[in-house]
Amino acid sequence: MPQSAWSNKRERQYEHIKSGVLKRGASTGRAEEIAARTVNKERAQHGESRSASASSLHDMPASRRGGLRSHKGSGGRTFKQLYAEAAARNIKGRSGMNKAQLEKALA
């Protein structure tokens, strides 16, 4: 899914991510999707795209994060991620919960 707007660096990044996801056993389509989303988010964070979502702009870059959000321990999911999952699961009272309460409700 490489795009014409991507630089050579982003093309190489896409191929690298795609091959890594394929090695982990994902399907080709899923690997392409993950790679494209990652590259587009990196482009947005570095000002290389015309538009970007707020979560892309305010989130820590994947290269810097390095597994901090592996869904374990205190470095797990962010409050926003937990809240979004609680909303998807339709958990009552989520708007008044803090991070620890959301983690407990989702467990």
Protein backbone atom coordinates (compact mmCIF):
# COMPACT_ATOMS: atom_id res chain seq x y z
CA MET A 1 0.00 0.00 0.00
CA PRO A 2 2.90 2.43 -0.47
CA GLN A 3 1.68 5.86 -1.45
CA SER A 4 3.09 8.45 -3.82
CA ALA A 5 3.23 11.03 -1.01
CA TRP A 6 5.68 8.91 0.96
CA SER A 7 9.41 9.62 0.82
CA ASN A 8 12.01 6.92 0.21
CA LYS A 9 12.57 6.78 3.97
CA ARG A 10 8.87 6.13 4.59
CA GLU A 11 8.83 3.44 1.87
CA ARG A 12 11.71 1.66 3.59
CA GLN A 13 9.99 2.06 6.97
CA TYR A 14 6.79 0.56 5.53
CA GLU A 15 8.63 -2.48 4.14
CA HIS A 16 10.54 -2.98 7.39
CA ILE A 17 7.41 -2.88 9.54
CA LYS A 18 5.50 -5.09 7.10
CA SER A 19 8.23 -7.76 7.11
CA GLY A 20 8.37 -7.71 10.91
CA VAL A 21 4.61 -8.20 11.22
CA LEU A 22 4.72 -11.01 8.65
CA LYS A 23 7.45 -12.74 10.68
CA ARG A 24 5.13 -12.67 13.69
CA GLY A 25 2.60 -14.66 11.67
CA ALA A 26 0.05 -12.05 10.58
CA SER A 27 -1.63 -12.21 7.19
CA THR A 28 -0.30 -10.09 4.33
CA GLY A 29 -3.32 -7.79 4.42
CA ARG A 30 -3.02 -7.24 8.16
CA ALA A 31 0.73 -6.62 7.87
CA GLU A 32 0.16 -4.03 5.14
CA GLU A 33 -2.53 -2.32 7.20
CA ILE A 34 -0.37 -2.10 10.33
CA ALA A 35 2.63 -0.85 8.36
CA ALA A 36 0.61 1.79 6.50
CA ARG A 37 -1.05 3.05 9.68
CA THR A 38 2.28 3.25 11.48
CA VAL A 39 3.96 5.13 8.65
CA ASN A 40 1.04 7.54 8.29
CA LYS A 41 1.06 8.25 12.03
CA GLU A 42 4.81 8.90 11.96
CA ARG A 43 4.31 11.24 8.98
CA ALA A 44 1.61 13.12 10.87
CA GLN A 45 3.75 13.46 13.98
CA HIS A 46 6.62 14.88 11.94
CA GLY A 47 4.46 17.35 9.99
CA GLU A 48 4.71 15.49 6.68
CA SER A 49 0.95 15.18 6.11
CA ARG A 50 -1.76 17.73 5.38
CA SER A 51 -4.04 16.63 8.19
CA ALA A 52 -3.72 14.52 11.31
CA SER A 53 -5.89 13.38 14.17
CA ALA A 54 -5.37 14.85 17.63
CA SER A 55 -4.34 11.47 19.00
CA SER A 56 -1.62 11.17 16.36
CA LEU A 57 -0.23 14.59 17.13
CA HIS A 58 -0.28 14.34 20.93
CA ASP A 59 0.83 10.73 21.33
CA MET A 60 4.40 9.60 21.95
CA PRO A 61 6.08 8.37 18.73
CA ALA A 62 6.25 4.59 18.39
CA SER A 63 10.02 4.70 17.98
CA ARG A 64 10.36 6.43 21.35
CA ARG A 65 7.64 4.46 23.12
CA GLY A 66 9.37 1.13 22.53
CA GLY A 67 6.82 -1.20 24.11
CA LEU A 68 5.86 1.02 27.04
CA ARG A 69 2.22 0.29 26.28
CA SER A 70 2.42 -3.45 26.20
CA HIS A 71 -0.74 -3.60 28.32
CA LYS A 72 1.20 -4.61 31.42
CA GLY A 73 2.20 -2.84 34.60
CA SER A 74 2.11 0.87 35.32
CA GLY A 75 3.35 1.68 31.84
CA GLY A 76 0.30 0.02 30.29
CA ARG A 77 -2.53 1.63 28.40
CA THR A 78 -3.23 5.33 28.73
CA PHE A 79 -6.34 6.74 30.36
CA LYS A 80 -7.71 7.68 26.93
CA GLN A 81 -7.19 4.13 25.64
CA LEU A 82 -8.86 2.64 28.70
CA TYR A 83 -11.76 5.08 28.46
CA ALA A 84 -12.28 4.30 24.77
CA GLU A 85 -12.39 0.57 25.51
CA ALA A 86 -14.82 1.15 28.39
CA ALA A 87 -17.04 3.15 26.04
CA ALA A 88 -16.87 0.38 23.43
CA ARG A 89 -17.90 -2.16 26.08
CA ASN A 90 -20.61 0.23 27.35
CA ILE A 91 -19.38 0.18 30.97
CA LYS A 92 -21.63 2.31 33.17
CA GLY A 93 -20.06 5.06 35.30
CA ARG A 94 -16.91 5.30 33.20
CA SER A 95 -17.00 9.10 33.04
CA GLY A 96 -16.40 9.35 36.78
CA MET A 97 -13.65 6.73 36.92
CA ASN A 98 -9.92 7.32 37.16
CA LYS A 99 -7.29 5.20 35.38
CA ALA A 100 -7.04 2.58 38.13
CA GLN A 101 -10.82 2.20 38.29
CA LEU A 102 -11.05 1.84 34.51
CA GLU A 103 -8.34 -0.84 34.55
CA LYS A 104 -10.22 -2.72 37.27
CA ALA A 105 -13.56 -2.43 35.44
CA LEU A 106 -12.01 -3.71 32.21
CA ALA A 107 -10.17 -6.62 33.83
